[in-house]
Amino acid sequence: MRLGLSRREEDGARLASLLWECGPGWRAISSAMLGGGIGPVGWVLNAQVAGGYSRMDPVAHLLEMAPPGPGVGMLTAAAVDRFTTAADGGVEVAATVGLRVPTWAAAPEGTPDPELAPMYLPGTINIVVAVPVAMTDAALVNAVMTVTEAKSQALAEEGFPGTGTASDAVCVAVREEGRAELFGGPRSTWGARVARAVHAAVRQGARDWMGRNGQAAREPSSGLSEM
């Protein structure tokens, strides 16, 4: 897969976009608004938007920036040009990490949505993973779980009080042909590689975010033990 960075002028800001070009023979599972679910994929777009983004047609907006053909598109207010990458045993990962409002997945009912806080700093963690083998649908679902667990582990180790942000997105792309792997969990061959690569990319991204924003990580709470 080929990874390219581009920039555009929009809403008075210079914004970056990261495009993975897969070519034929790939399929993906994704939580993204554009191209989400499981299906064929020729590209994955991670596009930066200005803080306080308020367009009500995000899918149409993504399609304006996307190449032709089937693909996956996700948006973030994080600095896309500060993306981090990692690789492990053939698995490749690219992540954009914004941690303005880390949140716990399980919060008490009625807890205010932290994404409604003033947009001083960008949030959202978007993760794209490329695995050079085929996987069953069940293994793909398992791989998304592995990505999420590895992300949360990295945030905990860096002292962030949350499992992620409320707007995180994931895409895992695999080959269409070949013997399909049955498992994608963190102790399977390929799942372990996915976990290590995601963990490395997100942890580096979290450190970079803290460095850019001059904020020390807060200690984890709400039942997370020290790691």
C-alpha atoms as a PDB file:
ATOM      1  CA  MET A   1       0.000   0.000   0.000  1.00  0.00           C
ATOM      2  CA  ARG A   2       1.236   3.495  -0.870  1.00  0.00           C
ATOM      3  CA  LEU A   3       0.861   6.311   1.654  1.00  0.00           C
ATOM      4  CA  GLY A   4       0.716   9.952   0.527  1.00  0.00           C
ATOM      5  CA  LEU A   5       0.229  13.298   2.280  1.00  0.00           C
ATOM      6  CA  SER A   6      -1.450  16.290   0.614  1.00  0.00           C
ATOM      7  CA  ARG A   7      -2.703  19.707   1.719  1.00  0.00           C
ATOM      8  CA  ARG A   8      -5.626  21.959   0.825  1.00  0.00           C
ATOM      9  CA  GLU A   9      -7.006  25.369   1.794  1.00  0.00           C
ATOM     10  CA  GLU A  10     -10.415  25.214   3.485  1.00  0.00           C
ATOM     11  CA  ASP A  11     -12.301  27.394   5.975  1.00  0.00           C
ATOM     12  CA  GLY A  12      -9.345  29.758   6.132  1.00  0.00           C
ATOM     13  CA  ALA A  13      -6.965  27.019   7.226  1.00  0.00           C
ATOM     14  CA  ARG A  14      -4.321  24.869   5.573  1.00  0.00           C
ATOM     15  CA  LEU A  15      -5.396  21.280   6.202  1.00  0.00           C
ATOM     16  CA  ALA A  16      -3.703  17.957   5.519  1.00  0.00           C
ATOM     17  CA  SER A  17      -5.054  14.668   4.184  1.00  0.00           C
ATOM     18  CA  LEU A  18      -3.460  11.232   4.335  1.00  0.00           C
ATOM     19  CA  LEU A  19      -4.288   8.782   1.539  1.00  0.00           C
ATOM     20  CA  TRP A  20      -3.483   5.064   1.458  1.00  0.00           C
ATOM     21  CA  GLU A  21      -3.730   3.697  -2.075  1.00  0.00           C
ATOM     22  CA  CYS A  22      -4.263  -0.045  -1.933  1.00  0.00           C
ATOM     23  CA  GLY A  23      -4.807  -0.997  -5.548  1.00  0.00           C
ATOM     24  CA  PRO A  24      -6.868  -4.055  -6.480  1.00  0.00           C
ATOM     25  CA  GLY A  25      -7.213  -7.149  -4.318  1.00  0.00           C
ATOM     26  CA  TRP A  26      -7.971  -5.620  -0.909  1.00  0.00           C
ATOM     27  CA  ARG A  27     -11.015  -5.493   1.349  1.00  0.00           C
ATOM     28  CA  ALA A  28     -11.532  -3.770   4.669  1.00  0.00           C
ATOM     29  CA  ILE A  29     -13.587  -3.480   7.806  1.00  0.00           C
ATOM     30  CA  SER A  30     -14.138   0.025   9.074  1.00  0.00           C
ATOM     31  CA  SER A  31     -16.178   2.149  11.454  1.00  0.00           C
ATOM     32  CA  ALA A  32     -15.781   5.209   9.210  1.00  0.00           C
ATOM     33  CA  MET A  33     -18.769   7.175   7.900  1.00  0.00           C
ATOM     34  CA  LEU A  34     -17.725   6.672   4.282  1.00  0.00           C
ATOM     35  CA  GLY A  35     -17.188   3.056   3.263  1.00  0.00           C
ATOM     36  CA  GLY A  36     -17.866   1.680   6.737  1.00  0.00           C
ATOM     37  CA  GLY A  37     -18.679  -1.992   7.295  1.00  0.00           C
ATOM     38  CA  ILE A  38     -16.956  -4.784   5.348  1.00  0.00           C
ATOM     39  CA  GLY A  39     -16.280  -4.553   1.635  1.00  0.00           C
ATOM     40  CA  PRO A  40     -13.757  -4.021  -1.161  1.00  0.00           C
ATOM     41  CA  VAL A  41     -11.385  -1.091  -0.774  1.00  0.00           C
ATOM     42  CA  GLY A  42      -8.998   0.653  -3.157  1.00  0.00           C
ATOM     43  CA  TRP A  43      -8.050   3.570  -0.911  1.00  0.00           C
ATOM     44  CA  VAL A  44      -8.362   4.902   2.641  1.00  0.00           C
ATOM     45  CA  LEU A  45      -8.601   8.669   3.215  1.00  0.00           C
ATOM     46  CA  ASN A  46      -7.983  10.371   6.569  1.00  0.00           C
ATOM     47  CA  ALA A  47      -8.827  14.049   6.075  1.00  0.00           C
ATOM     48  CA  GLN A  48      -8.219  16.895   8.503  1.00  0.00           C
ATOM     49  CA  VAL A  49     -10.972  19.447   9.143  1.00  0.00           C
ATOM     50  CA  ALA A  50     -10.898  22.717  11.046  1.00  0.00           C
ATOM     51  CA  GLY A  51     -11.710  22.779  14.743  1.00  0.00           C
ATOM     52  CA  GLY A  52     -15.398  23.358  15.344  1.00  0.00           C
ATOM     53  CA  TYR A  53     -16.320  21.491  12.136  1.00  0.00           C
ATOM     54  CA  SER A  54     -20.056  21.929  11.593  1.00  0.00           C
ATOM     55  CA  ARG A  55     -20.900  20.609   8.110  1.00  0.00           C
ATOM     56  CA  MET A  56     -23.980  18.409   8.173  1.00  0.00           C
ATOM     57  CA  ASP A  57     -22.934  16.418   5.095  1.00  0.00           C
ATOM     58  CA  PRO A  58     -19.617  14.793   6.098  1.00  0.00           C
ATOM     59  CA  VAL A  59     -19.991  11.889   3.660  1.00  0.00           C
ATOM     60  CA  ALA A  60     -20.497  14.276   0.736  1.00  0.00           C
ATOM     61  CA  HIS A  61     -17.544  16.316   1.969  1.00  0.00           C
ATOM     62  CA  LEU A  62     -15.337  13.213   2.009  1.00  0.00           C
ATOM     63  CA  LEU A  63     -16.466  12.246  -1.483  1.00  0.00           C
ATOM     64  CA  GLU A  64     -15.377  15.680  -2.722  1.00  0.00           C
ATOM     65  CA  MET A  65     -11.824  14.857  -1.617  1.00  0.00           C
ATOM     66  CA  ALA A  66     -11.732  11.122  -2.357  1.00  0.00           C
ATOM     67  CA  PRO A  67     -10.429   9.338  -5.460  1.00  0.00           C
ATOM     68  CA  PRO A  68     -12.837   7.250  -7.553  1.00  0.00           C
ATOM     69  CA  GLY A  69     -13.753   3.680  -6.728  1.00  0.00           C
ATOM     70  CA  PRO A  70     -14.571   1.914  -3.464  1.00  0.00           C
ATOM     71  CA  GLY A  71     -12.806   3.199  -0.386  1.00  0.00           C
ATOM     72  CA  VAL A  72     -12.982   4.334   3.215  1.00  0.00           C
ATOM     73  CA  GLY A  73     -13.052   7.959   4.359  1.00  0.00           C
ATOM     74  CA  MET A  74     -12.686   9.410   7.852  1.00  0.00           C
ATOM     75  CA  LEU A  75     -12.401  12.937   9.265  1.00  0.00           C
ATOM     76  CA  THR A  76     -10.421  14.374  12.162  1.00  0.00           C
ATOM     77  CA  ALA A  77      -9.536  17.749  13.643  1.00  0.00           C
ATOM     78  CA  ALA A  78      -6.176  16.324  14.715  1.00  0.00           C
ATOM     79  CA  ALA A  79      -3.016  17.411  12.891  1.00  0.00           C
ATOM     80  CA  VAL A  80      -2.916  14.836  10.111  1.00  0.00           C
ATOM     81  CA  ASP A  81       0.553  15.907   9.004  1.00  0.00           C
ATOM     82  CA  ARG A  82       1.812  14.734  12.412  1.00  0.00           C
ATOM     83  CA  PHE A  83       0.710  11.151  11.740  1.00  0.00           C
ATOM     84  CA  THR A  84       2.712   8.305  13.214  1.00  0.00           C
ATOM     85  CA  THR A  85       3.498   4.933  11.663  1.00  0.00           C
ATOM     86  CA  ALA A  86       4.663   1.539  12.865  1.00  0.00           C
ATOM     87  CA  ALA A  87       5.214  -1.885  11.333  1.00  0.00           C
ATOM     88  CA  ASP A  88       5.506  -5.405  12.695  1.00  0.00           C
ATOM     89  CA  GLY A  89       6.006  -8.597  10.719  1.00  0.00           C
ATOM     90  CA  GLY A  90       4.357  -7.286   7.542  1.00  0.00           C
ATOM     91  CA  VAL A  91       1.588  -5.337   9.288  1.00  0.00           C
ATOM     92  CA  GLU A  92       1.619  -1.580   8.632  1.00  0.00           C
ATOM     93  CA  VAL A  93      -0.160   1.044  10.729  1.00  0.00           C
ATOM     94  CA  ALA A  94      -0.725   4.788  10.369  1.00  0.00           C
ATOM     95  CA  ALA A  95      -2.404   6.754  13.155  1.00  0.00           C
ATOM     96  CA  THR A  96      -3.451  10.343  13.727  1.00  0.00           C
ATOM     97  CA  VAL A  97      -3.742  11.071  17.428  1.00  0.00           C
ATOM     98  CA  GLY A  98      -5.705  13.940  18.982  1.00  0.00           C
ATOM     99  CA  LEU A  99      -6.365  13.796  22.721  1.00  0.00           C
ATOM    100  CA  ARG A 100      -8.217  16.970  23.648  1.00  0.00           C
ATOM    101  CA  VAL A 101     -10.970  14.972  25.348  1.00  0.00           C
ATOM    102  CA  PRO A 102     -10.001  11.389  26.245  1.00  0.00           C
ATOM    103  CA  THR A 103     -13.053   9.548  27.531  1.00  0.00           C
ATOM    104  CA  TRP A 104     -13.939   6.301  29.248  1.00  0.00           C
ATOM    105  CA  ALA A 105     -16.078   3.958  27.175  1.00  0.00           C
ATOM    106  CA  ALA A 106     -18.356   3.182  30.150  1.00  0.00           C
ATOM    107  CA  ALA A 107     -19.402   6.456  31.797  1.00  0.00           C
ATOM    108  CA  PRO A 108     -22.314   7.024  34.194  1.00  0.00           C
ATOM    109  CA  GLU A 109     -25.630   7.795  32.536  1.00  0.00           C
ATOM    110  CA  GLY A 110     -26.104  11.514  32.099  1.00  0.00           C
ATOM    111  CA  THR A 111     -22.389  12.305  31.911  1.00  0.00           C
ATOM    112  CA  PRO A 112     -21.962  15.391  29.652  1.00  0.00           C
ATOM    113  CA  ASP A 113     -20.425  14.686  26.268  1.00  0.00           C
ATOM    114  CA  PRO A 114     -16.845  16.019  26.495  1.00  0.00           C
ATOM    115  CA  GLU A 115     -16.836  16.570  22.734  1.00  0.00           C
ATOM    116  CA  LEU A 116     -19.113  19.558  23.433  1.00  0.00           C
ATOM    117  CA  ALA A 117     -16.293  21.262  25.347  1.00  0.00           C
ATOM    118  CA  PRO A 118     -14.760  24.381  23.721  1.00  0.00           C
ATOM    119  CA  MET A 119     -12.673  23.469  20.685  1.00  0.00           C
ATOM    120  CA  TYR A 120      -9.324  24.712  21.961  1.00  0.00           C
ATOM    121  CA  LEU A 121      -7.473  21.542  21.005  1.00  0.00           C
ATOM    122  CA  PRO A 122      -8.336  18.863  18.442  1.00  0.00           C
ATOM    123  CA  GLY A 123      -9.483  15.364  19.329  1.00  0.00           C
ATOM    124  CA  THR A 124      -9.985  11.975  17.658  1.00  0.00           C
ATOM    125  CA  ILE A 125      -7.717   8.978  17.118  1.00  0.00           C
ATOM    126  CA  ASN A 126      -7.962   7.499  13.633  1.00  0.00           C
ATOM    127  CA  ILE A 127      -6.109   4.245  12.953  1.00  0.00           C
ATOM    128  CA  VAL A 128      -5.530   2.535   9.610  1.00  0.00           C
ATOM    129  CA  VAL A 129      -4.052  -0.970   9.546  1.00  0.00           C
ATOM    130  CA  ALA A 130      -2.886  -2.987   6.526  1.00  0.00           C
ATOM    131  CA  VAL A 131      -2.452  -6.760   6.933  1.00  0.00           C
ATOM    132  CA  PRO A 132      -0.898  -8.624   3.961  1.00  0.00           C
ATOM    133  CA  VAL A 133      -3.035 -11.770   4.330  1.00  0.00           C
ATOM    134  CA  ALA A 134      -6.697 -12.675   3.929  1.00  0.00           C
ATOM    135  CA  MET A 135      -9.002 -12.905   6.952  1.00  0.00           C
ATOM    136  CA  THR A 136     -12.488 -14.269   7.513  1.00  0.00           C
ATOM    137  CA  ASP A 137     -15.209 -11.786   8.440  1.00  0.00           C
ATOM    138  CA  ALA A 138     -15.062 -13.017  12.034  1.00  0.00           C
ATOM    139  CA  ALA A 139     -11.289 -12.515  12.146  1.00  0.00           C
ATOM    140  CA  LEU A 140     -11.750  -8.978  10.823  1.00  0.00           C
ATOM    141  CA  VAL A 141     -14.143  -8.179  13.655  1.00  0.00           C
ATOM    142  CA  ASN A 142     -11.644  -9.699  16.061  1.00  0.00           C
ATOM    143  CA  ALA A 143      -8.873  -7.553  14.547  1.00  0.00           C
ATOM    144  CA  VAL A 144     -10.892  -4.375  15.214  1.00  0.00           C
ATOM    145  CA  MET A 145     -11.200  -5.461  18.842  1.00  0.00           C
ATOM    146  CA  THR A 146      -7.428  -5.989  18.935  1.00  0.00           C
ATOM    147  CA  VAL A 147      -6.797  -2.533  17.480  1.00  0.00           C
ATOM    148  CA  THR A 148      -9.035  -0.959  20.115  1.00  0.00           C
ATOM    149  CA  GLU A 149      -7.443  -2.882  22.976  1.00  0.00           C
ATOM    150  CA  ALA A 150      -3.922  -1.931  21.829  1.00  0.00           C
ATOM    151  CA  LYS A 151      -4.945   1.724  21.493  1.00  0.00           C
ATOM    152  CA  SER A 152      -6.394   1.752  25.005  1.00  0.00           C
ATOM    153  CA  GLN A 153      -3.270   0.053  26.394  1.00  0.00           C
ATOM    154  CA  ALA A 154      -1.062   2.735  24.819  1.00  0.00           C
ATOM    155  CA  LEU A 155      -3.186   5.552  26.278  1.00  0.00           C
ATOM    156  CA  ALA A 156      -3.148   3.984  29.734  1.00  0.00           C
ATOM    157  CA  GLU A 157       0.623   3.569  29.628  1.00  0.00           C
ATOM    158  CA  GLU A 158       0.979   7.252  28.735  1.00  0.00           C
ATOM    159  CA  GLY A 159      -1.280   8.258  31.643  1.00  0.00           C
ATOM    160  CA  PHE A 160      -4.388   9.390  29.759  1.00  0.00           C
ATOM    161  CA  PRO A 161      -7.642   8.911  31.715  1.00  0.00           C
ATOM    162  CA  GLY A 162      -9.682   7.171  29.062  1.00  0.00           C
ATOM    163  CA  THR A 163     -10.016   4.324  26.588  1.00  0.00           C
ATOM    164  CA  GLY A 164      -9.963   6.684  23.599  1.00  0.00           C
ATOM    165  CA  THR A 165     -12.075   9.597  22.406  1.00  0.00           C
ATOM    166  CA  ALA A 166     -15.768   9.562  21.573  1.00  0.00           C
ATOM    167  CA  SER A 167     -15.136   9.999  17.840  1.00  0.00           C
ATOM    168  CA  ASP A 168     -12.321   7.516  17.115  1.00  0.00           C
ATOM    169  CA  ALA A 169     -12.371   5.558  13.844  1.00  0.00           C
ATOM    170  CA  VAL A 170     -10.678   2.344  12.713  1.00  0.00           C
ATOM    171  CA  CYS A 171      -9.979   0.687   9.365  1.00  0.00           C
ATOM    172  CA  VAL A 172      -8.326  -2.705   8.930  1.00  0.00           C
ATOM    173  CA  ALA A 173      -7.498  -3.664   5.326  1.00  0.00           C
ATOM    174  CA  VAL A 174      -6.573  -7.226   4.311  1.00  0.00           C
ATOM    175  CA  ARG A 175      -5.969  -9.147   1.107  1.00  0.00           C
ATOM    176  CA  GLU A 176      -8.959 -10.624  -0.723  1.00  0.00           C
ATOM    177  CA  GLU A 177      -7.170 -13.736  -1.999  1.00  0.00           C
ATOM    178  CA  GLY A 178      -5.300 -16.502  -0.205  1.00  0.00           C
ATOM    179  CA  ARG A 179      -5.983 -18.757   2.733  1.00  0.00           C
ATOM    180  CA  ALA A 180      -8.101 -16.752   5.147  1.00  0.00           C
ATOM    181  CA  GLU A 181      -6.834 -16.424   8.698  1.00  0.00           C
ATOM    182  CA  LEU A 182      -9.446 -17.551  11.211  1.00  0.00           C
ATOM    183  CA  PHE A 183      -8.299 -15.413  14.135  1.00  0.00           C
ATOM    184  CA  GLY A 184      -7.419 -11.751  14.674  1.00  0.00           C
ATOM    185  CA  GLY A 185      -7.092 -11.662  18.446  1.00  0.00           C
ATOM    186  CA  PRO A 186      -3.977 -10.394  20.240  1.00  0.00           C
ATOM    187  CA  ARG A 187      -2.532 -13.895  20.717  1.00  0.00           C
ATOM    188  CA  SER A 188      -3.023 -15.021  17.136  1.00  0.00           C
ATOM    189  CA  THR A 189      -0.072 -14.679  14.761  1.00  0.00           C
ATOM    190  CA  TRP A 190      -1.400 -11.723  12.806  1.00  0.00           C
ATOM    191  CA  GLY A 191      -3.440 -10.226  15.622  1.00  0.00           C
ATOM    192  CA  ALA A 192      -0.323 -10.017  17.791  1.00  0.00           C
ATOM    193  CA  ARG A 193       1.458  -8.130  15.019  1.00  0.00           C
ATOM    194  CA  VAL A 194      -1.491  -5.785  14.637  1.00  0.00           C
ATOM    195  CA  ALA A 195      -1.527  -5.154  18.396  1.00  0.00           C
ATOM    196  CA  ARG A 196       2.182  -4.345  18.613  1.00  0.00           C
ATOM    197  CA  ALA A 197       2.132  -2.026  15.603  1.00  0.00           C
ATOM    198  CA  VAL A 198      -1.005  -0.155  16.755  1.00  0.00           C
ATOM    199  CA  HIS A 199       0.367   0.146  20.275  1.00  0.00           C
ATOM    200  CA  ALA A 200       3.645   1.618  18.999  1.00  0.00           C
ATOM    201  CA  ALA A 201       1.970   4.106  16.622  1.00  0.00           C
ATOM    202  CA  VAL A 202      -0.617   5.329  19.146  1.00  0.00           C
ATOM    203  CA  ARG A 203       1.867   5.576  21.989  1.00  0.00           C
ATOM    204  CA  GLN A 204       4.220   7.675  19.853  1.00  0.00           C
ATOM    205  CA  GLY A 205       1.296   9.787  18.689  1.00  0.00           C
ATOM    206  CA  ALA A 206       0.195  10.388  22.285  1.00  0.00           C
ATOM    207  CA  ARG A 207       3.706  11.489  23.248  1.00  0.00           C
ATOM    208  CA  ASP A 208       3.890  13.816  20.249  1.00  0.00           C
ATOM    209  CA  TRP A 209       0.486  15.302  21.107  1.00  0.00           C
ATOM    210  CA  MET A 210       1.576  16.007  24.671  1.00  0.00           C
ATOM    211  CA  GLY A 211       4.770  17.609  23.418  1.00  0.00           C
ATOM    212  CA  ARG A 212       2.954  19.879  20.949  1.00  0.00           C
ATOM    213  CA  ASN A 213       0.262  20.955  23.388  1.00  0.00           C
ATOM    214  CA  GLY A 214       2.439  21.365  26.452  1.00  0.00           C
ATOM    215  CA  GLN A 215       0.224  19.163  28.571  1.00  0.00           C
ATOM    216  CA  ALA A 216       1.314  16.486  30.993  1.00  0.00           C
ATOM    217  CA  ALA A 217      -0.673  13.287  30.835  1.00  0.00           C
ATOM    218  CA  ARG A 218      -3.126  12.801  33.655  1.00  0.00           C
ATOM    219  CA  GLU A 219      -3.011   9.671  35.751  1.00  0.00           C
ATOM    220  CA  PRO A 220      -5.548   6.999  34.792  1.00  0.00           C
ATOM    221  CA  SER A 221      -8.505   6.539  37.112  1.00  0.00           C
ATOM    222  CA  SER A 222     -11.882   4.804  37.240  1.00  0.00           C
ATOM    223  CA  GLY A 223     -10.519   1.366  37.987  1.00  0.00           C
ATOM    224  CA  LEU A 224      -7.487   1.229  35.683  1.00  0.00           C
ATOM    225  CA  SER A 225      -4.491  -0.107  37.515  1.00  0.00           C
ATOM    226  CA  GLU A 226      -0.961   1.213  37.087  1.00  0.00           C
ATOM    227  CA  MET A 227       0.904  -0.477  34.249  1.00  0.00           C
END
